C-alpha atoms as a PDB file:
ATOM      1  CA  UNK A   1       8.190   8.033 -17.978  1.00  0.00           C
ATOM      2  CA  UNK A   2      10.204   5.139 -19.384  1.00  0.00           C
ATOM      3  CA  UNK A   3      11.357   4.262 -15.879  1.00  0.00           C
ATOM      4  CA  UNK A   4       7.762   4.351 -14.645  1.00  0.00           C
ATOM      5  CA  UNK A   5       6.620   2.102 -17.501  1.00  0.00           C
ATOM      6  CA  UNK A   6       9.488  -0.303 -16.769  1.00  0.00           C
ATOM      7  CA  UNK A   7       8.520  -0.376 -13.091  1.00  0.00           C
ATOM      8  CA  UNK A   8       4.857  -0.945 -13.987  1.00  0.00           C
ATOM      9  CA  UNK A   9       5.757  -3.865 -16.258  1.00  0.00           C
ATOM     10  CA  UNK A  10       8.166  -5.339 -13.721  1.00  0.00           C
ATOM     11  CA  UNK A  11       5.532  -5.236 -10.982  1.00  0.00           C
ATOM     12  CA  UNK A  12       2.727  -6.597 -13.121  1.00  0.00           C
ATOM     13  CA  UNK A  13       4.702  -9.410 -14.751  1.00  0.00           C
ATOM     14  CA  UNK A  14       6.228 -10.412 -11.412  1.00  0.00           C
ATOM     15  CA  UNK A  15       2.806 -10.460  -9.766  1.00  0.00           C
ATOM     16  CA  UNK A  16       1.193 -12.495 -12.546  1.00  0.00           C
ATOM     17  CA  UNK A  17       4.085 -14.940 -12.764  1.00  0.00           C
ATOM     18  CA  UNK A  18       4.298 -15.444  -9.007  1.00  0.00           C
ATOM     19  CA  UNK A  19       0.545 -15.979  -8.667  1.00  0.00           C
ATOM     20  CA  UNK A  20       0.583 -18.420 -11.575  1.00  0.00           C
ATOM     21  CA  UNK A  21       3.519 -20.426 -10.205  1.00  0.00           C
ATOM     22  CA  UNK A  22       2.105 -20.513  -6.662  1.00  0.00           C
ATOM     23  CA  UNK A  23      -1.297 -21.654  -7.951  1.00  0.00           C
ATOM     24  CA  UNK A  24       0.257 -24.373 -10.081  1.00  0.00           C
ATOM     25  CA  UNK A  25       2.406 -25.597  -7.199  1.00  0.00           C
ATOM     26  CA  UNK A  26      -0.539 -25.788  -4.828  1.00  0.00           C
ATOM     27  CA  UNK A  27      -2.673 -27.530  -7.478  1.00  0.00           C
ATOM     28  CA  UNK A  28       0.123 -30.011  -8.226  1.00  0.00           C
ATOM     29  CA  UNK A  29       0.572 -30.742  -4.521  1.00  0.00           C
ATOM     30  CA  UNK A  30      -3.150 -31.390  -4.046  1.00  0.00           C
ATOM     31  CA  UNK A  31      -3.353 -33.683  -7.073  1.00  0.00           C
ATOM     32  CA  UNK A  32      -0.239 -35.613  -6.089  1.00  0.00           C
ATOM     33  CA  UNK A  33      -1.330 -35.974  -2.480  1.00  0.00           C
ATOM     34  CA  UNK A  34      -4.943 -37.015  -2.988  1.00  0.00           C
ATOM     35  CA  UNK A  35      -4.766 -38.836  -6.318  1.00  0.00           C
ATOM     36  CA  UNK A  36      -1.350 -40.485  -6.262  1.00  0.00           C
ATOM     37  CA  UNK A  37      -0.710 -40.508  -2.507  1.00  0.00           C
ATOM     38  CA  UNK A  38       2.653 -38.779  -3.080  1.00  0.00           C
ATOM     39  CA  UNK A  39       3.721 -35.560  -1.389  1.00  0.00           C
ATOM     40  CA  UNK A  40       6.265 -32.985  -2.481  1.00  0.00           C
ATOM     41  CA  UNK A  41       8.128 -31.760   0.563  1.00  0.00           C
ATOM     42  CA  UNK A  42       9.183 -28.460  -0.940  1.00  0.00           C
ATOM     43  CA  UNK A  43       6.054 -27.254  -2.770  1.00  0.00           C
ATOM     44  CA  UNK A  44       4.263 -25.777   0.238  1.00  0.00           C
ATOM     45  CA  UNK A  45       7.341 -23.859   1.347  1.00  0.00           C
ATOM     46  CA  UNK A  46       8.097 -22.502  -2.106  1.00  0.00           C
ATOM     47  CA  UNK A  47       4.494 -21.483  -2.736  1.00  0.00           C
ATOM     48  CA  UNK A  48       4.368 -19.731   0.656  1.00  0.00           C
ATOM     49  CA  UNK A  49       7.447 -17.645  -0.157  1.00  0.00           C
ATOM     50  CA  UNK A  50       6.162 -16.853  -3.647  1.00  0.00           C
ATOM     51  CA  UNK A  51       2.849 -15.674  -2.176  1.00  0.00           C
ATOM     52  CA  UNK A  52       4.720 -13.433   0.278  1.00  0.00           C
ATOM     53  CA  UNK A  53       6.550 -11.808  -2.654  1.00  0.00           C
ATOM     54  CA  UNK A  54       3.250 -11.538  -4.533  1.00  0.00           C
ATOM     55  CA  UNK A  55       1.523  -9.744  -1.650  1.00  0.00           C
ATOM     56  CA  UNK A  56       4.297  -7.173  -1.230  1.00  0.00           C
ATOM     57  CA  UNK A  57       4.615  -6.493  -4.953  1.00  0.00           C
ATOM     58  CA  UNK A  58       0.821  -6.408  -5.191  1.00  0.00           C
ATOM     59  CA  UNK A  59       0.751  -3.806  -2.419  1.00  0.00           C
ATOM     60  CA  UNK A  60       2.877  -1.552  -4.588  1.00  0.00           C
ATOM     61  CA  UNK A  61       0.485  -2.057  -7.491  1.00  0.00           C
ATOM     62  CA  UNK A  62      -2.420  -1.256  -5.173  1.00  0.00           C
ATOM     63  CA  UNK A  63      -0.739   2.004  -4.112  1.00  0.00           C
ATOM     64  CA  UNK A  64      -0.214   2.911  -7.769  1.00  0.00           C
ATOM     65  CA  UNK A  65      -3.860   2.182  -8.615  1.00  0.00           C
ATOM     66  CA  UNK A  66      -5.150   3.769  -5.374  1.00  0.00           C
ATOM     67  CA  UNK A  67      -6.816   0.434  -4.635  1.00  0.00           C
ATOM     68  CA  UNK A  68      -6.018   0.151  -0.931  1.00  0.00           C
ATOM     69  CA  UNK A  69      -8.975   0.204   1.397  1.00  0.00           C
ATOM     70  CA  UNK A  70      -9.747   3.742   2.468  1.00  0.00           C
ATOM     71  CA  UNK A  71     -12.146   5.419   4.836  1.00  0.00           C
ATOM     72  CA  UNK A  72     -13.444   8.357   2.883  1.00  0.00           C
ATOM     73  CA  UNK A  73     -16.787   9.044   4.520  1.00  0.00           C
ATOM     74  CA  UNK A  74     -15.496  12.283   6.043  1.00  0.00           C
ATOM     75  CA  UNK A  75     -13.111  13.266   3.244  1.00  0.00           C
ATOM     76  CA  UNK A  76     -15.920  13.129   0.665  1.00  0.00           C
ATOM     77  CA  UNK A  77     -17.628  16.129   2.253  1.00  0.00           C
ATOM     78  CA  UNK A  78     -14.509  18.266   2.637  1.00  0.00           C
ATOM     79  CA  UNK A  79     -13.715  21.219   0.354  1.00  0.00           C
ATOM     80  CA  UNK A  80     -11.268  20.575  -2.488  1.00  0.00           C
ATOM     81  CA  UNK A  81      -8.188  21.995  -0.756  1.00  0.00           C
ATOM     82  CA  UNK A  82      -8.791  19.941   2.387  1.00  0.00           C
ATOM     83  CA  UNK A  83      -9.220  16.809   0.251  1.00  0.00           C
ATOM     84  CA  UNK A  84      -5.831  17.511  -1.319  1.00  0.00           C
ATOM     85  CA  UNK A  85      -4.260  18.125   2.089  1.00  0.00           C
ATOM     86  CA  UNK A  86      -5.669  14.807   3.341  1.00  0.00           C
ATOM     87  CA  UNK A  87      -4.306  13.094   0.247  1.00  0.00           C
ATOM     88  CA  UNK A  88      -0.854  14.604   0.806  1.00  0.00           C
ATOM     89  CA  UNK A  89      -0.990  13.609   4.472  1.00  0.00           C
ATOM     90  CA  UNK A  90      -1.999  10.061   3.521  1.00  0.00           C
ATOM     91  CA  UNK A  91       0.952   9.871   1.109  1.00  0.00           C
ATOM     92  CA  UNK A  92       3.324  11.036   3.864  1.00  0.00           C
ATOM     93  CA  UNK A  93       1.940   8.419   6.236  1.00  0.00           C
ATOM     94  CA  UNK A  94       2.294   5.756   3.539  1.00  0.00           C
ATOM     95  CA  UNK A  95       5.877   6.843   2.864  1.00  0.00           C
ATOM     96  CA  UNK A  96       6.628   6.667   6.589  1.00  0.00           C
ATOM     97  CA  UNK A  97       5.201   3.149   6.750  1.00  0.00           C
ATOM     98  CA  UNK A  98       7.279   2.204   3.697  1.00  0.00           C
ATOM     99  CA  UNK A  99      10.471   3.537   5.288  1.00  0.00           C
ATOM    100  CA  UNK A 100       9.744   1.515   8.432  1.00  0.00           C
ATOM    101  CA  UNK A 101       9.165  -1.568   6.279  1.00  0.00           C
ATOM    102  CA  UNK A 102      12.413  -0.992   4.373  1.00  0.00           C
ATOM    103  CA  UNK A 103      14.408  -0.414   7.552  1.00  0.00           C
ATOM    104  CA  UNK A 104      13.005  -3.312   9.579  1.00  0.00           C
ATOM    105  CA  UNK A 105      13.125  -5.618   6.558  1.00  0.00           C
ATOM    106  CA  UNK A 106      16.758  -4.701   5.921  1.00  0.00           C
ATOM    107  CA  UNK A 107      17.655  -5.374   9.549  1.00  0.00           C
ATOM    108  CA  UNK A 108      15.904  -8.736   9.370  1.00  0.00           C
ATOM    109  CA  UNK A 109      17.652  -9.662   6.114  1.00  0.00           C
ATOM    110  CA  UNK A 110      21.060  -8.719   7.520  1.00  0.00           C
ATOM    111  CA  UNK A 111      20.395 -10.761  10.687  1.00  0.00           C
ATOM    112  CA  UNK A 112      19.352 -13.779   8.635  1.00  0.00           C
ATOM    113  CA  UNK A 113      22.457 -13.452   6.460  1.00  0.00           C
ATOM    114  CA  UNK A 114      24.653 -13.086   9.566  1.00  0.00           C
ATOM    115  CA  UNK A 115      23.287 -16.270  11.121  1.00  0.00           C
ATOM    116  CA  UNK A 116      23.312 -18.158   7.821  1.00  0.00           C
ATOM    117  CA  UNK A 117      19.715 -19.387   8.074  1.00  0.00           C
ATOM    118  CA  UNK A 118      18.372 -21.530   5.266  1.00  0.00           C
ATOM    119  CA  UNK A 119      14.841 -22.659   4.479  1.00  0.00           C
ATOM    120  CA  UNK A 120      13.961 -26.084   5.921  1.00  0.00           C
ATOM    121  CA  UNK A 121      12.768 -27.944   2.824  1.00  0.00           C
ATOM    122  CA  UNK A 122      14.557 -26.311  -0.111  1.00  0.00           C
ATOM    123  CA  UNK A 123      17.721 -25.141   1.612  1.00  0.00           C
ATOM    124  CA  UNK A 124      17.897 -21.721  -0.050  1.00  0.00           C
ATOM    125  CA  UNK A 125      19.137 -18.791   2.027  1.00  0.00           C
ATOM    126  CA  UNK A 126      16.346 -17.459   4.216  1.00  0.00           C
ATOM    127  CA  UNK A 127      17.371 -13.958   3.165  1.00  0.00           C
ATOM    128  CA  UNK A 128      15.627 -14.480  -0.201  1.00  0.00           C
ATOM    129  CA  UNK A 129      12.111 -14.751   1.264  1.00  0.00           C
ATOM    130  CA  UNK A 130      12.817 -11.968   3.786  1.00  0.00           C
ATOM    131  CA  UNK A 131      14.141  -9.715   1.023  1.00  0.00           C
ATOM    132  CA  UNK A 132      10.510  -9.253  -0.043  1.00  0.00           C
ATOM    133  CA  UNK A 133      10.044  -6.838   2.894  1.00  0.00           C
ATOM    134  CA  UNK A 134      12.558  -4.139   1.902  1.00  0.00           C
ATOM    135  CA  UNK A 135      11.894  -4.618  -1.822  1.00  0.00           C
ATOM    136  CA  UNK A 136       8.128  -4.303  -1.361  1.00  0.00           C
ATOM    137  CA  UNK A 137       8.651  -1.330   0.960  1.00  0.00           C
ATOM    138  CA  UNK A 138      10.865   0.383  -1.608  1.00  0.00           C
ATOM    139  CA  UNK A 139       8.330  -0.170  -4.375  1.00  0.00           C
ATOM    140  CA  UNK A 140       5.543   1.204  -2.178  1.00  0.00           C
ATOM    141  CA  UNK A 141       7.710   4.198  -1.200  1.00  0.00           C
ATOM    142  CA  UNK A 142       8.271   5.013  -4.878  1.00  0.00           C
ATOM    143  CA  UNK A 143       4.526   4.769  -5.560  1.00  0.00           C
ATOM    144  CA  UNK A 144       3.576   6.923  -2.559  1.00  0.00           C
ATOM    145  CA  UNK A 145       6.177   9.481  -3.660  1.00  0.00           C
ATOM    146  CA  UNK A 146       4.628   9.521  -7.142  1.00  0.00           C
ATOM    147  CA  UNK A 147       1.184  10.104  -5.621  1.00  0.00           C
ATOM    148  CA  UNK A 148       2.564  12.911  -3.462  1.00  0.00           C
ATOM    149  CA  UNK A 149       4.214  14.610  -6.432  1.00  0.00           C
ATOM    150  CA  UNK A 150       1.025  14.272  -8.468  1.00  0.00           C
ATOM    151  CA  UNK A 151      -1.045  15.777  -5.639  1.00  0.00           C
ATOM    152  CA  UNK A 152       1.315  18.744  -5.334  1.00  0.00           C
ATOM    153  CA  UNK A 153       1.260  19.293  -9.110  1.00  0.00           C
ATOM    154  CA  UNK A 154      -2.542  19.148  -9.124  1.00  0.00           C
ATOM    155  CA  UNK A 155      -2.757  21.613  -6.227  1.00  0.00           C
ATOM    156  CA  UNK A 156      -0.439  24.078  -7.976  1.00  0.00           C
ATOM    157  CA  UNK A 157      -2.230  23.654 -11.281  1.00  0.00           C
ATOM    158  CA  UNK A 158      -5.580  24.308  -9.602  1.00  0.00           C
ATOM    159  CA  UNK A 159      -4.200  27.349  -7.746  1.00  0.00           C
ATOM    160  CA  UNK A 160      -2.768  28.849 -10.944  1.00  0.00           C
ATOM    161  CA  UNK A 161      -6.012  28.393 -12.873  1.00  0.00           C
ATOM    162  CA  UNK A 162      -8.182  29.782 -10.055  1.00  0.00           C
ATOM    163  CA  UNK A 163     -11.026  27.676 -11.372  1.00  0.00           C
ATOM    164  CA  UNK A 164     -13.114  25.320  -9.305  1.00  0.00           C
ATOM    165  CA  UNK A 165     -11.927  21.729  -9.680  1.00  0.00           C
ATOM    166  CA  UNK A 166     -13.843  19.336 -11.851  1.00  0.00           C
ATOM    167  CA  UNK A 167     -15.382  16.659  -9.690  1.00  0.00           C
ATOM    168  CA  UNK A 168     -17.230  13.572 -10.856  1.00  0.00           C
ATOM    169  CA  UNK A 169     -20.659  14.692 -11.913  1.00  0.00           C
ATOM    170  CA  UNK A 170     -19.717  18.301 -12.680  1.00  0.00           C
ATOM    171  CA  UNK A 171     -17.959  21.318 -11.243  1.00  0.00           C
ATOM    172  CA  UNK A 172     -18.003  21.802  -7.494  1.00  0.00           C
ATOM    173  CA  UNK A 173     -18.308  25.370  -6.307  1.00  0.00           C
END
């Protein structure tokens, strides 16, 4: 649980900090450009890369909070066990997507490192922005795995109790 709390804090603080910095950079660029007629060459690039990191870390938070867009019109009317099976299947699909993201992101990062690419305005290694792909994929994989484990625990707990599950609004029979 300590590891989970550490991961939660890391994700949330990183997301808040990156959104705050990106917003301030964009605001500063707008003020400097339109009020003082001065432009920062690097601010757009840096804010773009920060937003990319924010989106991928935010995706992990969304998996944790079950906040991703879902189509549950059919699943709502399924019996409890089929709902759980659909949830497990969705976690497996999410884990598969995460593995693909980790793998393709890692290949991209290694290619960028091999060619020695740097960002145009700031000159930092291009591998830093691209590293958001495997890192975000790993975070999402961990969160999907947690959901899968929780679903399996809930299924076993429900099977051992042999009671109907409690659904919002009462007990479903």
